[in-house]
Each structure stands twice: as structure tokens, then as C-alpha cells.
Protein backbone atom coordinates (compact mmCIF):
# COMPACT_ATOMS: atom_id res chain seq x y z
CA MET A 1 -35.34 17.68 -9.44
CA MET A 2 -35.90 20.18 -6.60
CA ARG A 3 -37.02 23.75 -7.45
CA ASP A 4 -33.78 25.23 -6.07
CA ASP A 5 -31.76 22.92 -8.33
CA ALA A 6 -33.84 23.94 -11.34
CA ALA A 7 -33.35 27.63 -10.57
CA MET A 8 -29.62 27.12 -10.15
CA LEU A 9 -29.37 25.40 -13.53
CA GLN A 10 -31.40 28.07 -15.32
CA SER A 11 -29.14 30.84 -13.94
CA ARG A 12 -25.99 29.38 -15.43
CA GLU A 13 -24.06 30.22 -18.57
CA PHE A 14 -26.14 28.22 -21.08
CA ALA A 15 -29.89 27.76 -21.35
CA TRP A 16 -30.88 24.31 -20.08
CA THR A 17 -34.12 22.44 -20.66
CA VAL A 18 -35.62 19.08 -19.85
CA ALA A 19 -35.47 18.34 -23.59
CA ASP A 20 -31.69 18.91 -23.56
CA PHE A 21 -31.25 16.52 -20.67
CA ASP A 22 -33.51 13.87 -22.21
CA ARG A 23 -31.63 14.08 -25.49
CA ILE A 24 -28.25 13.68 -23.78
CA ARG A 25 -29.66 10.82 -21.75
CA GLN A 26 -30.79 9.03 -24.90
CA LEU A 27 -27.48 9.57 -26.66
CA ILE A 28 -25.29 8.28 -23.83
CA TYR A 29 -27.57 5.27 -23.42
CA ARG A 30 -27.28 4.39 -27.10
CA HIS A 31 -23.52 4.87 -27.21
CA ALA A 32 -22.42 3.57 -23.83
CA GLY A 33 -25.39 1.83 -22.21
CA ILE A 34 -25.34 4.34 -19.35
CA SER A 35 -28.71 5.08 -17.76
CA LEU A 36 -28.90 8.57 -16.28
CA HIS A 37 -31.65 9.30 -13.77
CA GLU A 38 -33.28 12.68 -13.14
CA GLY A 39 -30.97 13.45 -10.23
CA LYS A 40 -27.99 13.69 -12.63
CA GLN A 41 -29.14 16.92 -14.32
CA ALA A 42 -26.66 19.20 -12.53
CA MET A 43 -23.78 16.81 -13.24
CA VAL A 44 -24.71 16.51 -16.92
CA TYR A 45 -25.04 20.29 -17.30
CA SER A 46 -21.63 20.88 -15.73
CA ARG A 47 -19.78 18.27 -17.76
CA ILE A 48 -21.35 18.84 -21.17
CA SER A 49 -21.18 22.63 -20.88
CA ARG A 50 -17.40 22.17 -21.02
CA ARG A 51 -17.84 20.54 -24.42
CA LEU A 52 -19.87 23.56 -25.58
CA ARG A 53 -17.02 25.88 -24.61
CA GLU A 54 -14.38 23.63 -26.20
CA THR A 55 -16.29 23.35 -29.50
CA GLY A 56 -17.53 26.94 -29.64
CA HIS A 57 -21.27 26.26 -29.41
CA ASP A 58 -23.65 28.60 -27.63
CA SER A 59 -26.42 26.13 -26.79
CA PHE A 60 -26.87 22.46 -25.97
CA ARG A 61 -29.19 22.06 -28.93
CA ALA A 62 -26.60 23.45 -31.35
CA TYR A 63 -23.87 21.25 -29.89
CA LEU A 64 -26.00 18.09 -29.98
CA ASP A 65 -27.21 18.82 -33.54
CA TRP A 66 -23.59 19.17 -34.62
CA LEU A 67 -22.52 16.08 -32.71
CA GLU A 68 -25.16 13.89 -34.32
CA SER A 69 -24.69 15.25 -37.83
CA SER A 70 -20.91 15.47 -37.95
CA ARG A 71 -20.15 11.88 -36.94
CA ASP A 72 -16.92 13.21 -35.47
CA ALA A 73 -15.47 10.13 -33.75
CA ALA A 74 -13.10 12.20 -31.61
CA GLU A 75 -15.92 14.38 -30.27
CA TRP A 76 -18.15 11.38 -29.63
CA GLN A 77 -15.32 10.02 -27.50
CA GLU A 78 -15.06 13.33 -25.65
CA PHE A 79 -18.83 13.26 -25.08
CA VAL A 80 -18.60 9.77 -23.57
CA ASN A 81 -15.50 10.69 -21.55
CA ALA A 82 -17.37 13.65 -20.07
CA LEU A 83 -20.22 11.51 -18.76
CA THR A 84 -18.30 8.58 -17.30
CA THR A 85 -17.38 8.43 -13.62
CA ASN A 86 -13.94 7.20 -12.59
CA LEU A 87 -13.73 6.61 -8.86
CA THR A 88 -10.97 4.15 -8.01
CA SER A 89 -8.06 3.45 -5.65
CA PHE A 90 -5.38 0.85 -5.03
CA PHE A 91 -6.77 -2.38 -3.52
CA ARG A 92 -10.30 -1.05 -3.32
CA GLU A 93 -12.56 -3.81 -1.94
CA ASN A 94 -9.45 -5.66 -0.85
CA HIS A 95 -11.18 -8.99 -0.23
CA HIS A 96 -11.23 -9.49 -4.01
CA PHE A 97 -7.45 -9.36 -4.19
CA GLU A 98 -7.15 -11.68 -1.21
CA GLU A 99 -9.42 -14.17 -2.97
CA LEU A 100 -7.46 -13.85 -6.21
CA ALA A 101 -4.22 -14.55 -4.35
CA ARG A 102 -5.79 -17.61 -2.73
CA LEU A 103 -6.98 -18.95 -6.11
CA VAL A 104 -3.51 -18.53 -7.61
CA ARG A 105 -1.71 -20.11 -4.63
CA GLU A 106 -3.99 -23.14 -4.66
CA SER A 107 -3.85 -23.68 -8.42
CA SER A 108 -1.30 -25.62 -10.42
CA GLN A 109 -2.06 -23.99 -13.78
CA ARG A 110 0.86 -22.63 -15.77
CA GLU A 111 -0.47 -19.28 -16.96
CA TRP A 112 -3.11 -16.84 -15.74
CA LYS A 113 -5.20 -14.56 -17.95
CA ILE A 114 -7.20 -11.79 -16.27
CA TRP A 115 -9.31 -9.00 -17.70
CA CYS A 116 -9.99 -5.76 -15.85
CA SER A 117 -12.92 -4.31 -17.81
CA ALA A 118 -13.08 -0.89 -16.10
CA ALA A 119 -9.44 0.05 -15.64
CA SER A 120 -10.05 3.77 -15.04
CA THR A 121 -6.76 5.49 -14.11
CA GLY A 122 -5.01 2.18 -13.52
CA GLU A 123 -5.11 1.57 -9.78
CA GLU A 124 -7.28 -1.53 -10.17
CA PRO A 125 -5.29 -3.36 -12.88
CA TYR A 126 -2.02 -2.54 -11.13
CA SER A 127 -3.48 -3.89 -7.87
CA ILE A 128 -4.26 -7.10 -9.78
CA ALA A 129 -0.73 -7.19 -11.16
CA ILE A 130 0.81 -6.63 -7.72
CA THR A 131 -1.34 -9.43 -6.30
CA MET A 132 -0.19 -11.81 -9.04
CA ALA A 133 3.46 -10.82 -8.67
CA ASP A 134 3.30 -11.26 -4.89
CA VAL A 135 2.33 -14.91 -5.47
CA LEU A 136 4.12 -15.78 -8.72
CA GLY A 137 6.99 -13.29 -8.77
CA LEU A 138 7.69 -10.56 -11.32
CA GLN A 139 8.67 -13.17 -13.90
CA GLY A 140 5.53 -15.21 -13.29
CA ALA A 141 3.28 -16.37 -16.14
CA PHE A 142 0.37 -13.96 -15.94
CA ARG A 143 -1.19 -11.50 -18.38
CA ILE A 144 -3.67 -8.74 -17.62
CA TRP A 145 -5.92 -7.06 -20.17
CA ALA A 146 -7.07 -3.63 -18.92
CA SER A 147 -9.79 -1.71 -20.76
CA ASP A 148 -11.99 1.33 -20.28
CA ILE A 149 -14.42 3.36 -22.36
CA ASP A 150 -12.72 6.60 -21.30
CA THR A 151 -9.59 7.32 -23.34
CA ARG A 152 -8.29 10.02 -21.00
CA VAL A 153 -8.16 7.84 -17.91
CA LEU A 154 -6.47 5.09 -19.92
CA GLN A 155 -3.66 7.49 -20.76
CA THR A 156 -3.10 7.99 -17.04
CA ALA A 157 -3.19 4.23 -16.51
CA GLN A 158 -0.62 3.62 -19.23
CA ARG A 159 1.75 6.20 -17.72
CA GLY A 160 1.55 4.43 -14.37
CA VAL A 161 2.57 7.47 -12.31
CA TYR A 162 0.80 8.15 -9.00
CA LYS A 163 1.08 10.46 -6.03
CA LEU A 164 2.44 8.72 -2.96
CA GLU A 165 -0.51 10.06 -0.99
CA GLN A 166 -2.80 7.99 -3.25
CA MET A 167 -0.96 4.77 -2.38
CA GLY A 168 -1.88 4.24 1.24
CA ALA A 169 -3.15 0.71 0.59
CA VAL A 170 0.13 -0.31 -1.10
CA THR A 171 2.50 -1.72 1.53
CA PRO A 172 6.04 -0.34 1.91
CA GLU A 173 7.39 -3.67 0.64
CA GLN A 174 5.17 -3.53 -2.45
CA ARG A 175 6.23 0.05 -3.13
CA ARG A 176 9.87 -1.00 -3.00
CA LYS A 177 9.38 -4.03 -5.26
CA TYR A 178 7.01 -2.61 -7.87
CA PHE A 179 7.48 1.19 -8.03
CA LEU A 180 10.25 3.69 -8.73
CA ARG A 181 10.15 6.63 -6.33
CA GLY A 182 10.47 10.07 -7.90
CA ARG A 183 13.20 12.51 -6.99
CA GLY A 184 13.74 16.22 -7.56
CA VAL A 185 10.84 17.62 -9.59
CA ASN A 186 9.15 14.21 -9.29
CA GLU A 187 9.32 14.15 -5.50
CA GLY A 188 6.10 12.74 -4.05
CA LEU A 189 5.41 10.58 -7.12
CA ALA A 190 5.96 6.91 -7.89
CA ARG A 191 6.09 5.14 -11.25
CA VAL A 192 5.18 1.50 -11.87
CA LYS A 193 8.32 -0.50 -12.69
CA PRO A 194 8.58 -1.76 -16.30
CA GLU A 195 9.02 -5.31 -14.97
CA LEU A 196 5.46 -5.17 -13.62
CA GLN A 197 3.97 -3.04 -16.38
CA LYS A 198 5.02 -5.52 -19.07
CA HIS A 199 2.31 -7.90 -17.83
CA LEU A 200 -0.46 -5.42 -18.72
CA GLN A 201 -2.08 -4.48 -22.00
CA PHE A 202 -4.30 -1.36 -22.08
CA PHE A 203 -6.98 -0.70 -24.70
CA THR A 204 -10.24 1.17 -25.22
CA LEU A 205 -13.43 -0.87 -25.04
CA ASN A 206 -17.12 0.01 -24.82
CA LEU A 207 -18.96 -2.81 -23.07
CA VAL A 208 -22.12 -2.21 -25.10
CA ASP A 209 -20.36 -2.44 -28.46
CA GLU A 210 -21.38 -5.50 -30.45
CA ALA A 211 -17.78 -6.53 -31.18
CA TRP A 212 -15.19 -6.85 -28.43
CA PRO A 213 -11.51 -7.18 -29.48
CA LEU A 214 -11.04 -10.15 -27.17
CA HIS A 215 -10.46 -13.74 -28.17
CA GLU A 216 -9.11 -15.15 -24.93
CA GLU A 217 -10.56 -17.46 -22.31
CA PHE A 218 -10.03 -15.68 -19.02
CA ASP A 219 -9.45 -17.20 -15.62
CA ALA A 220 -10.91 -14.14 -13.91
CA ILE A 221 -12.69 -10.97 -14.93
CA PHE A 222 -12.99 -7.82 -12.83
CA CYS A 223 -16.12 -5.89 -13.80
CA ARG A 224 -16.61 -3.75 -10.72
CA ASN A 225 -18.95 -0.79 -10.25
CA VAL A 226 -19.86 -0.75 -13.94
CA MET A 227 -23.21 -2.53 -14.07
CA ILE A 228 -24.76 -0.01 -11.68
CA TYR A 229 -24.84 2.42 -14.63
CA PHE A 230 -26.72 -0.04 -16.88
CA ASP A 231 -30.39 -0.93 -16.95
CA HIS A 232 -31.48 -4.55 -16.46
CA THR A 233 -31.54 -5.41 -20.17
CA THR A 234 -28.01 -4.10 -20.74
CA GLN A 235 -26.74 -5.82 -17.60
CA ARG A 236 -28.06 -9.16 -18.82
CA GLN A 237 -26.46 -8.72 -22.24
CA VAL A 238 -23.06 -7.81 -20.79
CA LEU A 239 -23.21 -10.63 -18.23
CA GLY A 240 -23.90 -13.13 -21.01
CA ARG A 241 -20.85 -11.98 -22.92
CA LEU A 242 -18.65 -12.01 -19.83
CA HIS A 243 -19.85 -15.54 -19.17
CA ARG A 244 -18.73 -16.64 -22.63
CA LEU A 245 -15.24 -15.19 -22.12
CA LEU A 246 -14.62 -16.96 -18.81
CA ARG A 247 -13.16 -20.43 -18.67
CA PRO A 248 -15.27 -23.13 -16.94
CA HIS A 249 -15.55 -22.22 -13.23
CA GLY A 250 -13.80 -18.91 -13.89
CA THR A 251 -14.29 -16.06 -11.42
CA LEU A 252 -16.20 -12.80 -11.89
CA PHE A 253 -15.48 -10.00 -9.41
CA VAL A 254 -18.15 -7.28 -9.23
CA GLY A 255 -18.78 -4.10 -7.24
CA HIS A 256 -20.08 -3.87 -3.69
CA ALA A 257 -23.46 -2.51 -4.85
CA GLU A 258 -23.99 -5.07 -7.62
CA ASN A 259 -26.09 -8.20 -7.23
CA PHE A 260 -26.81 -10.67 -10.02
CA SER A 261 -29.04 -13.15 -8.24
CA ASP A 262 -31.33 -13.15 -11.30
CA ALA A 263 -28.49 -14.56 -13.43
CA ARG A 264 -28.38 -17.90 -11.64
CA ASP A 265 -28.26 -19.69 -14.99
CA LEU A 266 -24.89 -18.05 -15.67
CA PHE A 267 -23.16 -17.61 -12.31
CA ARG A 268 -23.34 -18.81 -8.75
CA LEU A 269 -22.40 -16.61 -5.81
CA ARG A 270 -19.20 -17.91 -4.23
CA GLY A 271 -18.40 -15.10 -1.83
CA LYS A 272 -19.07 -11.44 -1.17
CA THR A 273 -19.51 -9.96 -4.69
CA ILE A 274 -17.60 -12.91 -6.13
CA TYR A 275 -19.26 -15.16 -8.73
CA GLU A 276 -18.28 -18.44 -10.38
CA LYS A 277 -19.16 -19.31 -13.96
CA LEU A 278 -21.61 -22.17 -14.33
């Protein structure tokens, strides 16, 4: 960390030490598999200081002592929520949705099962649903499981309400078919139609938990821009479990900065950030 950054941190509301950062780093790694590097100190201070204010603690040490001793599940969830990053948009990395549409068009299977493992505020799973409905129709046989570790963003996803300005990648035809446009006090907003939303199931899931509440064999899994927060050991463990949940030759879609060339025993690269189960 640069000296200016260190001075800025020390001048803030709460005392902040390397020991505080290291302790938070260890806790979030154990609970969520997230590896925080030194450059994240300012971000961690800002986000966790909010938890100090909310819980009435006057130091990071006091808050972390309480967190570890209380075993308060709700606060542990708030702690994890505070340190997760949720950057998303409709049809982000659009070539994935084009490839999904091609797979569905060229297949004769009767039902599709897809898991979006980092649903965030919902733009990604709804983009998947729109893609499926464009090919199969709103009454088509497809089901989408949408999970995230962050409970707050999942609430937004379940509501399915978005600002029109966020929906630039959604075509006018798709907006008409799959969204209800707000009026009056809801002007400028759009809500996902129930006919599309019925295909999705939202739930909380931590990818580093030993038990996942999933017993399906998926045709495709979207796990995009998640592995970049894991170290190599955690990546390998999660990849192995994703592999087991995919059907033979199933498709894994990953983020633009993720490369799993060292998992050639599990997947083969089939396209740009698109892998096929071996």
C-alpha cells in the first residue's frame, strides 16, 4: 500500500491496522473462499466500517471479536455481503448468450436445466431466461437455478425491477415480450413478466460450502467472474464440483479474465471463455 493511502486510512473514523486487515482477510477466506490482496485495504476499511456503525462497535478488533464469539448467522451474512462485489449488466459478454442460443436451436432435447451460480442483482439469469424464451418461447421447457452468496442482491434479483437506463442491451422487442413498463410513480422502471420469472428459482449459495443444495444434472452452468476472487486451490475444488454437476459434454461459461487451462482433465476449451465437460 502506498504511504498516502496509509495516511488516508489512519485519518479516518476508526483506527485501522495491518492486523485488522489480515484478520478480515483470513475470515472472508475461510467463510467465502475470497482472497483479498494488499491493494484492497481501502475498500475493506470502507465496507466493514459500515458494519461497525450498524452494530455499535468502536473498533475493528471489538467488532471482529464479537463476530467470532457470537456466531450470529445474520451478522456473518452481512459481513460476507459487505465484502462481495456485484458488477453485472444485461447480456454482459454477449457471445455467451449467442452460443447458448445456438446450442438450444441445434439440440433436440426436451428440457433444459441451467444454473447461474453468481446471479448478483439478476441481470445475468434474466438474460439467460430471455435467451431461452427467444428460442423456445415463454412456455418452453427450461428451468434456471440462480444463486448468489449475497442475500441483498438476491432480493433485488427476485423483485425483477430495473431502471430502463440499465437495459440498453435488451432489444425493444425483448422489452415488449418479457417486461412490464412502469407508469406513474414507476415511470422509468420495468418489471420482469411473471411468465418469464416462473422459469427461475433463486436461492443463497456459498460456493465454498461443503454441501450444495443441488441434485440436478445441468446442461449448462454460468460461473462468470467468480473464480478471480479464489486462490488456485479453491478454484480447483469448485471446478471439480461444477464438473460433477454438468451432464456429459455440458457447457461451462466463465468470465473474460478466467482461464482454466490447468484443468484439462475436467474441461476442454470450446470457444472464448466457453468450456465443455470431459
